[in-house]
Amino acid sequence: MSTFESNRSIDEAASDWAARFDRGPLTPTEEVELETWLQSDPRNPGALLRAQAIAMKSESAQALGPQFDPADFSDARAPEKSWLSRRRTLIWTGAAVTGAAFVALGVSVPAAGTTVSTGRGELRMVPLRDGSTVMLNTDTSVRIRYDTRERLVTVLKGEAYFSVVRGGADPLIIEVDGRRLTTAQAMFSVRKLDGAPVDLLVRQGMVELGSSSWGGKPGIAVKSNMHVTLAQSQLFRPSAPERPSSVASGTMTRGLAWLEGKIAFEGESLQTAADSFARYSDTRIRIRDADLAREPVTGLFSANDPAGFSQAVAAVFDAKVERQGDTIILSRNSSK
């Protein structure tokens, strides 16, 4: 008879793996053990990410010395206004977040030179040989090359979250659109979507953004709780200067909601929200009325549940929902 592992025992195992990563690259036997453990329970990959985040925070605090007091660095500003309080917007309810898991959650330790991809609606954790991990969002591809010269991961498309541990003398290099991001230890996401500039969001640590070959701009450091949009090639159009900016905790949480299989909105239009769901599901949301498409949406929703999202929208905006094959149609009630 199978036994159900408690959340506490999973967290303890994840902490053990995080500590093992700190000691250096995994052995071939440990790689197999890690892959087996990650596949044994859908809760395990998320637990490992949390354990790595806690380990990184502890290491950062220790580096500041025994006199470090977190209270000395607390944010004196007024707390950020709740991102679920906006009038006429959607709230986080049980109905809105049901079915939070993606279609599939895969794990494996790839060989050097491997290209790893996810399909639409798939979330995948990829352990690297030095103990670092990469979480791939829906419709994402990365190419991994670990050799004696460098540790290199190229983001070909989509969105990836890196949890980088110290792996010896050589830093990890992330390549995207011909630019190189370098870090020795950090947790950050890289987003490369069609029709949009590349976005870098650093949760912890520091990432060095190298200069562009076409722009001649100097490299910059992007630190914890910071965000930067990478400049685009001037062959297409002039781009704004690359200036990292601080990110509030609520904004960080929304930007990384996909790690939990969710999508977060903060005042985006209903049309923008519908377009976001199209990344995760073959089911499309079509909005029949222009004024309804412009309504603002705020809330947290299961990424692969466009039907549940549409029902929530209909309840809030007094709209009706119709289903035609793989298309969900939202429109104003005729009585309005």
C-alpha atoms as a PDB file:
ATOM      1  CA  MET A   1       0.000   0.000   0.000  1.00  0.00           C
ATOM      2  CA  SER A   2       1.361   3.418  -0.951  1.00  0.00           C
ATOM      3  CA  THR A   3       1.957   6.031   1.730  1.00  0.00           C
ATOM      4  CA  PHE A   4       1.300   9.744   1.484  1.00  0.00           C
ATOM      5  CA  GLU A   5       4.346  11.811   2.301  1.00  0.00           C
ATOM      6  CA  SER A   6       3.718  14.793   4.561  1.00  0.00           C
ATOM      7  CA  ASN A   7       4.558  18.336   3.525  1.00  0.00           C
ATOM      8  CA  ARG A   8       7.019  18.500   6.411  1.00  0.00           C
ATOM      9  CA  SER A   9       8.983  15.461   5.262  1.00  0.00           C
ATOM     10  CA  ILE A  10       9.056  16.835   1.705  1.00  0.00           C
ATOM     11  CA  ASP A  11      10.407  20.162   2.959  1.00  0.00           C
ATOM     12  CA  GLU A  12      13.061  18.341   4.992  1.00  0.00           C
ATOM     13  CA  ALA A  13      14.153  16.338   1.944  1.00  0.00           C
ATOM     14  CA  ALA A  14      14.238  19.519  -0.149  1.00  0.00           C
ATOM     15  CA  SER A  15      16.430  21.204   2.477  1.00  0.00           C
ATOM     16  CA  ASP A  16      18.800  18.235   2.352  1.00  0.00           C
ATOM     17  CA  TRP A  17      19.083  18.585  -1.432  1.00  0.00           C
ATOM     18  CA  ALA A  18      19.674  22.341  -1.159  1.00  0.00           C
ATOM     19  CA  ALA A  19      22.483  21.686   1.326  1.00  0.00           C
ATOM     20  CA  ARG A  20      23.942  19.037  -0.982  1.00  0.00           C
ATOM     21  CA  PHE A  21      24.015  21.536  -3.862  1.00  0.00           C
ATOM     22  CA  ASP A  22      26.099  23.903  -1.738  1.00  0.00           C
ATOM     23  CA  ARG A  23      28.821  21.268  -1.402  1.00  0.00           C
ATOM     24  CA  GLY A  24      29.491  21.158  -5.144  1.00  0.00           C
ATOM     25  CA  PRO A  25      28.401  19.411  -8.361  1.00  0.00           C
ATOM     26  CA  LEU A  26      26.284  16.281  -8.053  1.00  0.00           C
ATOM     27  CA  THR A  27      27.756  12.861  -8.760  1.00  0.00           C
ATOM     28  CA  PRO A  28      26.105  10.685 -11.450  1.00  0.00           C
ATOM     29  CA  THR A  29      24.490   8.609  -8.704  1.00  0.00           C
ATOM     30  CA  GLU A  30      23.121  11.723  -7.006  1.00  0.00           C
ATOM     31  CA  GLU A  31      21.745  12.997 -10.313  1.00  0.00           C
ATOM     32  CA  VAL A  32      19.705   9.813 -10.632  1.00  0.00           C
ATOM     33  CA  GLU A  33      18.550  10.086  -7.023  1.00  0.00           C
ATOM     34  CA  LEU A  34      17.520  13.707  -7.521  1.00  0.00           C
ATOM     35  CA  GLU A  35      15.568  12.920 -10.680  1.00  0.00           C
ATOM     36  CA  THR A  36      13.808  10.034  -8.935  1.00  0.00           C
ATOM     37  CA  TRP A  37      12.873  12.227  -5.970  1.00  0.00           C
ATOM     38  CA  LEU A  38      11.606  15.089  -8.153  1.00  0.00           C
ATOM     39  CA  GLN A  39       9.407  12.709 -10.136  1.00  0.00           C
ATOM     40  CA  SER A  40       8.044  10.913  -7.086  1.00  0.00           C
ATOM     41  CA  ASP A  41       5.670  13.700  -5.993  1.00  0.00           C
ATOM     42  CA  PRO A  42       4.359  16.803  -7.827  1.00  0.00           C
ATOM     43  CA  ARG A  43       5.044  18.861  -4.685  1.00  0.00           C
ATOM     44  CA  ASN A  44       8.769  18.143  -4.715  1.00  0.00           C
ATOM     45  CA  PRO A  45       9.970  20.612  -7.423  1.00  0.00           C
ATOM     46  CA  GLY A  46       8.248  23.543  -5.712  1.00  0.00           C
ATOM     47  CA  ALA A  47       9.658  22.498  -2.347  1.00  0.00           C
ATOM     48  CA  LEU A  48      13.157  22.448  -3.815  1.00  0.00           C
ATOM     49  CA  LEU A  49      12.771  25.991  -5.160  1.00  0.00           C
ATOM     50  CA  ARG A  50      11.626  27.206  -1.733  1.00  0.00           C
ATOM     51  CA  ALA A  51      14.524  25.461   0.009  1.00  0.00           C
ATOM     52  CA  GLN A  52      17.032  27.032  -2.367  1.00  0.00           C
ATOM     53  CA  ALA A  53      15.530  30.474  -1.743  1.00  0.00           C
ATOM     54  CA  ILE A  54      15.796  30.012   2.043  1.00  0.00           C
ATOM     55  CA  ALA A  55      19.383  28.765   1.735  1.00  0.00           C
ATOM     56  CA  MET A  56      20.354  31.781  -0.337  1.00  0.00           C
ATOM     57  CA  LYS A  57      18.799  34.211   2.159  1.00  0.00           C
ATOM     58  CA  SER A  58      20.636  32.540   5.047  1.00  0.00           C
ATOM     59  CA  GLU A  59      23.950  32.701   3.202  1.00  0.00           C
ATOM     60  CA  SER A  60      23.422  36.382   2.391  1.00  0.00           C
ATOM     61  CA  ALA A  61      22.685  37.210   6.027  1.00  0.00           C
ATOM     62  CA  GLN A  62      25.749  35.309   7.269  1.00  0.00           C
ATOM     63  CA  ALA A  63      27.935  37.254   4.856  1.00  0.00           C
ATOM     64  CA  LEU A  64      26.881  40.494   6.581  1.00  0.00           C
ATOM     65  CA  GLY A  65      28.395  39.364   9.868  1.00  0.00           C
ATOM     66  CA  PRO A  66      27.104  38.718  13.412  1.00  0.00           C
ATOM     67  CA  GLN A  67      26.024  42.348  13.930  1.00  0.00           C
ATOM     68  CA  PHE A  68      23.515  42.200  11.076  1.00  0.00           C
ATOM     69  CA  ASP A  69      19.970  43.077  12.145  1.00  0.00           C
ATOM     70  CA  PRO A  70      17.300  42.819   9.431  1.00  0.00           C
ATOM     71  CA  ALA A  71      15.225  45.452  11.253  1.00  0.00           C
ATOM     72  CA  ASP A  72      17.870  48.046  10.421  1.00  0.00           C
ATOM     73  CA  PHE A  73      17.075  47.590   6.759  1.00  0.00           C
ATOM     74  CA  SER A  74      13.290  47.369   6.955  1.00  0.00           C
ATOM     75  CA  ASP A  75      11.287  49.401   4.465  1.00  0.00           C
ATOM     76  CA  ALA A  76       9.997  52.501   6.190  1.00  0.00           C
ATOM     77  CA  ARG A  77       7.606  53.328   3.384  1.00  0.00           C
ATOM     78  CA  ALA A  78       3.877  52.784   3.716  1.00  0.00           C
ATOM     79  CA  PRO A  79       2.884  49.241   2.778  1.00  0.00           C
ATOM     80  CA  GLU A  80       1.878  48.685  -0.798  1.00  0.00           C
ATOM     81  CA  LYS A  81      -1.864  48.917  -1.370  1.00  0.00           C
ATOM     82  CA  SER A  82      -3.448  45.511  -1.590  1.00  0.00           C
ATOM     83  CA  TRP A  83      -3.433  44.389  -5.205  1.00  0.00           C
ATOM     84  CA  LEU A  84      -6.781  42.680  -4.700  1.00  0.00           C
ATOM     85  CA  SER A  85      -8.685  45.753  -3.481  1.00  0.00           C
ATOM     86  CA  ARG A  86      -9.413  47.645  -6.695  1.00  0.00           C
ATOM     87  CA  ARG A  87     -13.108  48.397  -7.295  1.00  0.00           C
ATOM     88  CA  ARG A  88     -14.863  46.429 -10.034  1.00  0.00           C
ATOM     89  CA  THR A  89     -12.049  43.916 -10.341  1.00  0.00           C
ATOM     90  CA  LEU A  90     -11.751  40.214  -9.699  1.00  0.00           C
ATOM     91  CA  ILE A  91     -10.695  38.694  -6.406  1.00  0.00           C
ATOM     92  CA  TRP A  92      -8.829  35.564  -5.462  1.00  0.00           C
ATOM     93  CA  THR A  93     -11.561  33.018  -4.755  1.00  0.00           C
ATOM     94  CA  GLY A  94     -11.698  29.263  -4.567  1.00  0.00           C
ATOM     95  CA  ALA A  95     -13.433  29.091  -7.938  1.00  0.00           C
ATOM     96  CA  ALA A  96     -10.780  31.252  -9.558  1.00  0.00           C
ATOM     97  CA  VAL A  97      -7.826  29.127  -8.474  1.00  0.00           C
ATOM     98  CA  THR A  98      -9.131  25.586  -8.846  1.00  0.00           C
ATOM     99  CA  GLY A  99      -7.064  23.224 -10.964  1.00  0.00           C
ATOM    100  CA  ALA A 100      -3.813  25.085 -10.334  1.00  0.00           C
ATOM    101  CA  ALA A 101      -1.560  22.311 -11.643  1.00  0.00           C
ATOM    102  CA  PHE A 102      -0.347  22.426 -15.225  1.00  0.00           C
ATOM    103  CA  VAL A 103      -1.047  19.680 -17.735  1.00  0.00           C
ATOM    104  CA  ALA A 104       2.299  18.064 -16.974  1.00  0.00           C
ATOM    105  CA  LEU A 105       5.306  18.567 -14.730  1.00  0.00           C
ATOM    106  CA  GLY A 106       8.466  16.928 -16.029  1.00  0.00           C
ATOM    107  CA  VAL A 107      11.952  16.698 -14.591  1.00  0.00           C
ATOM    108  CA  SER A 108      15.228  15.342 -15.912  1.00  0.00           C
ATOM    109  CA  VAL A 109      18.948  15.960 -15.775  1.00  0.00           C
ATOM    110  CA  PRO A 110      19.844  16.860 -19.391  1.00  0.00           C
ATOM    111  CA  ALA A 111      23.068  15.988 -21.121  1.00  0.00           C
ATOM    112  CA  ALA A 112      25.384  18.762 -22.314  1.00  0.00           C
ATOM    113  CA  GLY A 113      24.247  20.330 -25.555  1.00  0.00           C
ATOM    114  CA  THR A 114      20.629  19.326 -24.980  1.00  0.00           C
ATOM    115  CA  THR A 115      17.686  21.510 -26.002  1.00  0.00           C
ATOM    116  CA  VAL A 116      14.845  21.244 -23.487  1.00  0.00           C
ATOM    117  CA  SER A 117      11.335  22.442 -24.350  1.00  0.00           C
ATOM    118  CA  THR A 118       7.851  22.610 -22.893  1.00  0.00           C
ATOM    119  CA  GLY A 119       4.573  22.458 -24.755  1.00  0.00           C
ATOM    120  CA  ARG A 120       1.585  24.704 -24.252  1.00  0.00           C
ATOM    121  CA  GLY A 121       0.307  24.373 -20.688  1.00  0.00           C
ATOM    122  CA  GLU A 122       3.376  22.460 -19.478  1.00  0.00           C
ATOM    123  CA  LEU A 123       5.669  23.419 -16.600  1.00  0.00           C
ATOM    124  CA  ARG A 124       9.025  21.685 -16.275  1.00  0.00           C
ATOM    125  CA  MET A 125      11.888  21.789 -13.794  1.00  0.00           C
ATOM    126  CA  VAL A 126      15.333  21.049 -15.228  1.00  0.00           C
ATOM    127  CA  PRO A 127      18.095  20.236 -12.689  1.00  0.00           C
ATOM    128  CA  LEU A 128      21.573  21.198 -13.893  1.00  0.00           C
ATOM    129  CA  ARG A 129      24.694  19.227 -13.111  1.00  0.00           C
ATOM    130  CA  ASP A 130      26.071  21.723 -10.598  1.00  0.00           C
ATOM    131  CA  GLY A 131      22.898  21.719  -8.472  1.00  0.00           C
ATOM    132  CA  SER A 132      21.335  24.775 -10.110  1.00  0.00           C
ATOM    133  CA  THR A 133      17.825  24.448 -11.513  1.00  0.00           C
ATOM    134  CA  VAL A 134      15.816  25.979 -14.349  1.00  0.00           C
ATOM    135  CA  MET A 135      12.014  26.075 -14.275  1.00  0.00           C
ATOM    136  CA  LEU A 136      10.507  26.371 -17.752  1.00  0.00           C
ATOM    137  CA  ASN A 137       7.141  28.028 -18.231  1.00  0.00           C
ATOM    138  CA  THR A 138       4.681  27.110 -20.973  1.00  0.00           C
ATOM    139  CA  ASP A 139       5.951  27.025 -24.583  1.00  0.00           C
ATOM    140  CA  THR A 140       9.589  27.585 -23.603  1.00  0.00           C
ATOM    141  CA  SER A 141      12.862  26.267 -25.039  1.00  0.00           C
ATOM    142  CA  VAL A 142      16.397  26.462 -23.645  1.00  0.00           C
ATOM    143  CA  ARG A 143      19.684  24.968 -24.821  1.00  0.00           C
ATOM    144  CA  ILE A 144      22.125  23.741 -22.167  1.00  0.00           C
ATOM    145  CA  ARG A 145      25.882  23.447 -22.637  1.00  0.00           C
ATOM    146  CA  TYR A 146      28.062  22.484 -19.696  1.00  0.00           C
ATOM    147  CA  ASP A 147      31.684  21.756 -20.540  1.00  0.00           C
ATOM    148  CA  THR A 148      35.207  22.487 -19.290  1.00  0.00           C
ATOM    149  CA  ARG A 149      35.072  26.004 -20.743  1.00  0.00           C
ATOM    150  CA  GLU A 150      31.811  27.406 -19.404  1.00  0.00           C
ATOM    151  CA  ARG A 151      28.367  26.800 -17.994  1.00  0.00           C
ATOM    152  CA  LEU A 152      25.967  28.191 -20.598  1.00  0.00           C
ATOM    153  CA  VAL A 153      22.177  28.150 -20.946  1.00  0.00           C
ATOM    154  CA  THR A 154      20.605  29.838 -23.973  1.00  0.00           C
ATOM    155  CA  VAL A 155      16.990  30.962 -23.719  1.00  0.00           C
ATOM    156  CA  LEU A 156      15.566  30.377 -27.184  1.00  0.00           C
ATOM    157  CA  LYS A 157      11.983  31.407 -26.414  1.00  0.00           C
ATOM    158  CA  GLY A 158       9.476  31.660 -23.599  1.00  0.00           C
ATOM    159  CA  GLU A 159      10.095  32.218 -19.896  1.00  0.00           C
ATOM    160  CA  ALA A 160      12.578  30.547 -17.549  1.00  0.00           C
ATOM    161  CA  TYR A 161      13.301  30.895 -13.844  1.00  0.00           C
ATOM    162  CA  PHE A 162      16.888  30.211 -12.766  1.00  0.00           C
ATOM    163  CA  SER A 163      17.970  29.188  -9.292  1.00  0.00           C
ATOM    164  CA  VAL A 164      21.760  29.333  -9.546  1.00  0.00           C
ATOM    165  CA  VAL A 165      24.050  27.912  -6.865  1.00  0.00           C
ATOM    166  CA  ARG A 166      27.785  28.398  -6.655  1.00  0.00           C
ATOM    167  CA  GLY A 167      29.344  25.825  -8.982  1.00  0.00           C
ATOM    168  CA  GLY A 168      33.048  26.498  -8.732  1.00  0.00           C
ATOM    169  CA  ALA A 169      35.192  29.200 -10.296  1.00  0.00           C
ATOM    170  CA  ASP A 170      33.079  29.697 -13.413  1.00  0.00           C
ATOM    171  CA  PRO A 171      29.815  31.655 -13.248  1.00  0.00           C
ATOM    172  CA  LEU A 172      26.665  30.563 -15.028  1.00  0.00           C
ATOM    173  CA  ILE A 173      26.070  32.380 -18.324  1.00  0.00           C
ATOM    174  CA  ILE A 174      22.566  32.926 -19.679  1.00  0.00           C
ATOM    175  CA  GLU A 175      22.439  33.890 -23.344  1.00  0.00           C
ATOM    176  CA  VAL A 176      19.356  35.520 -24.836  1.00  0.00           C
ATOM    177  CA  ASP A 177      19.037  37.436 -28.116  1.00  0.00           C
ATOM    178  CA  GLY A 178      22.829  37.659 -28.376  1.00  0.00           C
ATOM    179  CA  ARG A 179      23.185  39.191 -24.897  1.00  0.00           C
ATOM    180  CA  ARG A 180      24.907  37.483 -21.986  1.00  0.00           C
ATOM    181  CA  LEU A 181      23.746  37.495 -18.374  1.00  0.00           C
ATOM    182  CA  THR A 182      26.334  36.290 -15.874  1.00  0.00           C
ATOM    183  CA  THR A 183      25.912  35.263 -12.236  1.00  0.00           C
ATOM    184  CA  ALA A 184      27.691  33.234  -9.584  1.00  0.00           C
ATOM    185  CA  GLN A 185      24.586  32.828  -7.425  1.00  0.00           C
ATOM    186  CA  ALA A 186      21.103  34.262  -7.949  1.00  0.00           C
ATOM    187  CA  MET A 187      17.405  33.556  -8.462  1.00  0.00           C
ATOM    188  CA  PHE A 188      15.850  35.328 -11.448  1.00  0.00           C
ATOM    189  CA  SER A 189      13.559  34.991 -14.437  1.00  0.00           C
ATOM    190  CA  VAL A 190      14.185  35.714 -18.120  1.00  0.00           C
ATOM    191  CA  ARG A 191      11.215  36.293 -20.422  1.00  0.00           C
ATOM    192  CA  LYS A 192      11.536  36.263 -24.221  1.00  0.00           C
ATOM    193  CA  LEU A 193       8.155  36.447 -25.944  1.00  0.00           C
ATOM    194  CA  ASP A 194       7.328  37.214 -29.563  1.00  0.00           C
ATOM    195  CA  GLY A 195       6.752  40.900 -30.222  1.00  0.00           C
ATOM    196  CA  ALA A 196       8.154  42.035 -26.871  1.00  0.00           C
ATOM    197  CA  PRO A 197      11.619  42.986 -25.575  1.00  0.00           C
ATOM    198  CA  VAL A 198      13.477  40.601 -23.293  1.00  0.00           C
ATOM    199  CA  ASP A 199      12.674  41.086 -19.608  1.00  0.00           C
ATOM    200  CA  LEU A 200      14.949  40.263 -16.636  1.00  0.00           C
ATOM    201  CA  LEU A 201      13.511  40.042 -13.096  1.00  0.00           C
ATOM    202  CA  VAL A 202      15.980  39.350 -10.262  1.00  0.00           C
ATOM    203  CA  ARG A 203      14.494  37.959  -7.074  1.00  0.00           C
ATOM    204  CA  GLN A 204      17.727  37.389  -5.127  1.00  0.00           C
ATOM    205  CA  GLY A 205      21.432  37.798  -5.775  1.00  0.00           C
ATOM    206  CA  MET A 206      23.007  39.758  -8.613  1.00  0.00           C
ATOM    207  CA  VAL A 207      23.056  39.288 -12.376  1.00  0.00           C
ATOM    208  CA  GLU A 208      25.544  41.084 -14.619  1.00  0.00           C
ATOM    209  CA  LEU A 209      24.031  42.205 -17.911  1.00  0.00           C
ATOM    210  CA  GLY A 210      26.791  42.300 -20.511  1.00  0.00           C
ATOM    211  CA  SER A 211      27.139  45.031 -23.108  1.00  0.00           C
ATOM    212  CA  SER A 212      25.460  44.644 -26.467  1.00  0.00           C
ATOM    213  CA  SER A 213      27.602  44.008 -29.516  1.00  0.00           C
ATOM    214  CA  TRP A 214      25.547  46.451 -31.581  1.00  0.00           C
ATOM    215  CA  GLY A 215      24.997  49.238 -29.057  1.00  0.00           C
ATOM    216  CA  GLY A 216      28.361  49.587 -27.363  1.00  0.00           C
ATOM    217  CA  LYS A 217      26.681  50.171 -24.000  1.00  0.00           C
ATOM    218  CA  PRO A 218      28.570  49.191 -20.838  1.00  0.00           C
ATOM    219  CA  GLY A 219      27.441  46.239 -18.767  1.00  0.00           C
ATOM    220  CA  ILE A 220      25.207  46.815 -15.757  1.00  0.00           C
ATOM    221  CA  ALA A 221      24.482  44.982 -12.487  1.00  0.00           C
ATOM    222  CA  VAL A 222      20.892  44.003 -11.722  1.00  0.00           C
ATOM    223  CA  LYS A 223      20.486  43.222  -8.020  1.00  0.00           C
ATOM    224  CA  SER A 224      17.872  41.668  -5.732  1.00  0.00           C
ATOM    225  CA  ASN A 225      14.306  42.899  -6.230  1.00  0.00           C
ATOM    226  CA  MET A 226      15.176  44.685  -9.447  1.00  0.00           C
ATOM    227  CA  HIS A 227      13.906  44.542 -13.002  1.00  0.00           C
ATOM    228  CA  VAL A 228      15.261  45.637 -16.365  1.00  0.00           C
ATOM    229  CA  THR A 229      14.018  45.509 -19.934  1.00  0.00           C
ATOM    230  CA  LEU A 230      16.805  44.726 -22.381  1.00  0.00           C
ATOM    231  CA  ALA A 231      17.327  47.206 -25.180  1.00  0.00           C
ATOM    232  CA  GLN A 232      16.425  46.019 -28.652  1.00  0.00           C
ATOM    233  CA  SER A 233      18.716  46.097 -31.646  1.00  0.00           C
ATOM    234  CA  GLN A 234      18.933  49.525 -33.237  1.00  0.00           C
ATOM    235  CA  LEU A 235      18.612  47.795 -36.617  1.00  0.00           C
ATOM    236  CA  PHE A 236      14.879  47.739 -35.907  1.00  0.00           C
ATOM    237  CA  ARG A 237      14.206  50.906 -33.919  1.00  0.00           C
ATOM    238  CA  PRO A 238      15.841  53.046 -31.230  1.00  0.00           C
ATOM    239  CA  SER A 239      15.418  51.588 -27.774  1.00  0.00           C
ATOM    240  CA  ALA A 240      15.199  53.127 -24.325  1.00  0.00           C
ATOM    241  CA  PRO A 241      18.256  53.054 -22.045  1.00  0.00           C
ATOM    242  CA  GLU A 242      18.661  49.946 -19.904  1.00  0.00           C
ATOM    243  CA  ARG A 243      17.968  51.198 -16.395  1.00  0.00           C
ATOM    244  CA  PRO A 244      17.286  48.656 -13.654  1.00  0.00           C
ATOM    245  CA  SER A 245      14.425  49.670 -11.375  1.00  0.00           C
ATOM    246  CA  SER A 246      13.321  48.445  -7.956  1.00  0.00           C
ATOM    247  CA  VAL A 247      10.363  46.085  -7.786  1.00  0.00           C
ATOM    248  CA  ALA A 248       7.849  46.017  -4.929  1.00  0.00           C
ATOM    249  CA  SER A 249       7.166  42.676  -3.271  1.00  0.00           C
ATOM    250  CA  GLY A 250       3.642  42.503  -4.703  1.00  0.00           C
ATOM    251  CA  THR A 251       4.932  43.109  -8.205  1.00  0.00           C
ATOM    252  CA  MET A 252       7.567  40.400  -7.751  1.00  0.00           C
ATOM    253  CA  THR A 253       4.904  37.946  -6.582  1.00  0.00           C
ATOM    254  CA  ARG A 254       2.730  38.671  -9.597  1.00  0.00           C
ATOM    255  CA  GLY A 255       5.664  38.392 -11.997  1.00  0.00           C
ATOM    256  CA  LEU A 256       6.516  34.914 -10.677  1.00  0.00           C
ATOM    257  CA  ALA A 257       2.968  33.626 -10.181  1.00  0.00           C
ATOM    258  CA  TRP A 258       3.500  31.213 -13.075  1.00  0.00           C
ATOM    259  CA  LEU A 259       5.840  29.161 -10.874  1.00  0.00           C
ATOM    260  CA  GLU A 260       2.693  28.074  -9.020  1.00  0.00           C
ATOM    261  CA  GLY A 261       0.733  27.487 -12.224  1.00  0.00           C
ATOM    262  CA  LYS A 262      -1.139  30.779 -12.021  1.00  0.00           C
ATOM    263  CA  ILE A 263      -1.504  34.108 -13.813  1.00  0.00           C
ATOM    264  CA  ALA A 264      -1.694  37.376 -11.860  1.00  0.00           C
ATOM    265  CA  PHE A 265      -3.224  40.597 -13.139  1.00  0.00           C
ATOM    266  CA  GLU A 266      -3.136  44.108 -11.682  1.00  0.00           C
ATOM    267  CA  GLY A 267      -5.464  46.356 -13.661  1.00  0.00           C
ATOM    268  CA  GLU A 268      -4.681  44.949 -17.116  1.00  0.00           C
ATOM    269  CA  SER A 269      -7.527  45.029 -19.625  1.00  0.00           C
ATOM    270  CA  LEU A 270      -9.737  41.986 -20.036  1.00  0.00           C
ATOM    271  CA  GLN A 271      -8.408  41.646 -23.597  1.00  0.00           C
ATOM    272  CA  THR A 272      -4.826  41.529 -22.325  1.00  0.00           C
ATOM    273  CA  ALA A 273      -5.842  38.886 -19.797  1.00  0.00           C
ATOM    274  CA  ALA A 274      -7.502  36.820 -22.529  1.00  0.00           C
ATOM    275  CA  ASP A 275      -4.320  37.015 -24.629  1.00  0.00           C
ATOM    276  CA  SER A 276      -2.286  35.820 -21.635  1.00  0.00           C
ATOM    277  CA  PHE A 277      -4.449  32.716 -21.233  1.00  0.00           C
ATOM    278  CA  ALA A 278      -3.811  31.867 -24.896  1.00  0.00           C
ATOM    279  CA  ARG A 279      -0.188  31.087 -23.978  1.00  0.00           C
ATOM    280  CA  TYR A 280      -1.308  28.247 -21.707  1.00  0.00           C
ATOM    281  CA  SER A 281      -4.279  26.607 -23.411  1.00  0.00           C
ATOM    282  CA  ASP A 282      -5.681  25.719 -26.821  1.00  0.00           C
ATOM    283  CA  THR A 283      -8.974  27.168 -25.643  1.00  0.00           C
ATOM    284  CA  ARG A 284      -9.317  30.783 -26.768  1.00  0.00           C
ATOM    285  CA  ILE A 285     -11.271  33.570 -25.084  1.00  0.00           C
ATOM    286  CA  ARG A 286     -12.973  35.946 -27.520  1.00  0.00           C
ATOM    287  CA  ILE A 287     -14.529  39.175 -26.256  1.00  0.00           C
ATOM    288  CA  ARG A 288     -17.392  40.342 -28.392  1.00  0.00           C
ATOM    289  CA  ASP A 289     -17.820  43.884 -26.966  1.00  0.00           C
ATOM    290  CA  ALA A 290     -15.081  46.519 -27.150  1.00  0.00           C
ATOM    291  CA  ASP A 291     -16.080  48.200 -23.879  1.00  0.00           C
ATOM    292  CA  LEU A 292     -16.032  44.859 -22.053  1.00  0.00           C
ATOM    293  CA  ALA A 293     -12.569  44.115 -23.506  1.00  0.00           C
ATOM    294  CA  ARG A 294     -11.278  47.324 -21.900  1.00  0.00           C
ATOM    295  CA  GLU A 295     -12.498  46.496 -18.383  1.00  0.00           C
ATOM    296  CA  PRO A 296      -9.645  46.224 -15.820  1.00  0.00           C
ATOM    297  CA  VAL A 297      -8.895  42.863 -14.245  1.00  0.00           C
ATOM    298  CA  THR A 298      -7.065  42.203 -10.997  1.00  0.00           C
ATOM    299  CA  GLY A 299      -6.605  38.832  -9.334  1.00  0.00           C
ATOM    300  CA  LEU A 300      -4.871  35.478  -9.320  1.00  0.00           C
ATOM    301  CA  PHE A 301      -6.121  32.684 -11.584  1.00  0.00           C
ATOM    302  CA  SER A 302      -5.220  29.160 -12.592  1.00  0.00           C
ATOM    303  CA  ALA A 303      -3.218  29.471 -15.811  1.00  0.00           C
ATOM    304  CA  ASN A 304      -4.776  26.451 -17.519  1.00  0.00           C
ATOM    305  CA  ASP A 305      -8.395  27.212 -16.604  1.00  0.00           C
ATOM    306  CA  PRO A 306      -9.684  29.796 -19.109  1.00  0.00           C
ATOM    307  CA  ALA A 307     -13.225  28.512 -18.554  1.00  0.00           C
ATOM    308  CA  GLY A 308     -13.083  29.208 -14.815  1.00  0.00           C
ATOM    309  CA  PHE A 309     -11.586  32.635 -15.478  1.00  0.00           C
ATOM    310  CA  SER A 310     -14.359  33.434 -17.962  1.00  0.00           C
ATOM    311  CA  GLN A 311     -17.056  32.428 -15.492  1.00  0.00           C
ATOM    312  CA  ALA A 312     -15.497  34.699 -12.854  1.00  0.00           C
ATOM    313  CA  VAL A 313     -15.363  37.556 -15.364  1.00  0.00           C
ATOM    314  CA  ALA A 314     -18.999  37.059 -16.279  1.00  0.00           C
ATOM    315  CA  ALA A 315     -20.047  37.215 -12.625  1.00  0.00           C
ATOM    316  CA  VAL A 316     -18.161  40.436 -11.946  1.00  0.00           C
ATOM    317  CA  PHE A 317     -18.936  42.333 -15.140  1.00  0.00           C
ATOM    318  CA  ASP A 318     -22.500  41.079 -15.613  1.00  0.00           C
ATOM    319  CA  ALA A 319     -21.566  39.355 -18.858  1.00  0.00           C
ATOM    320  CA  LYS A 320     -22.557  36.060 -20.396  1.00  0.00           C
ATOM    321  CA  VAL A 321     -20.405  33.130 -21.459  1.00  0.00           C
ATOM    322  CA  GLU A 322     -20.902  31.002 -24.567  1.00  0.00           C
ATOM    323  CA  ARG A 323     -18.856  27.987 -25.615  1.00  0.00           C
ATOM    324  CA  GLN A 324     -18.282  27.194 -29.283  1.00  0.00           C
ATOM    325  CA  GLY A 325     -15.828  24.313 -29.611  1.00  0.00           C
ATOM    326  CA  ASP A 326     -12.436  25.523 -28.391  1.00  0.00           C
ATOM    327  CA  THR A 327     -13.595  29.140 -28.182  1.00  0.00           C
ATOM    328  CA  ILE A 328     -15.162  30.869 -25.178  1.00  0.00           C
ATOM    329  CA  ILE A 329     -17.142  33.984 -26.095  1.00  0.00           C
ATOM    330  CA  LEU A 330     -17.723  36.751 -23.575  1.00  0.00           C
ATOM    331  CA  SER A 331     -20.331  39.433 -24.232  1.00  0.00           C
ATOM    332  CA  ARG A 332     -22.460  41.913 -22.357  1.00  0.00           C
ATOM    333  CA  ASN A 333     -25.890  40.758 -21.270  1.00  0.00           C
ATOM    334  CA  SER A 334     -28.500  42.027 -23.719  1.00  0.00           C
ATOM    335  CA  SER A 335     -30.550  43.396 -20.827  1.00  0.00           C
ATOM    336  CA  LYS A 336     -27.883  46.017 -20.050  1.00  0.00           C
END
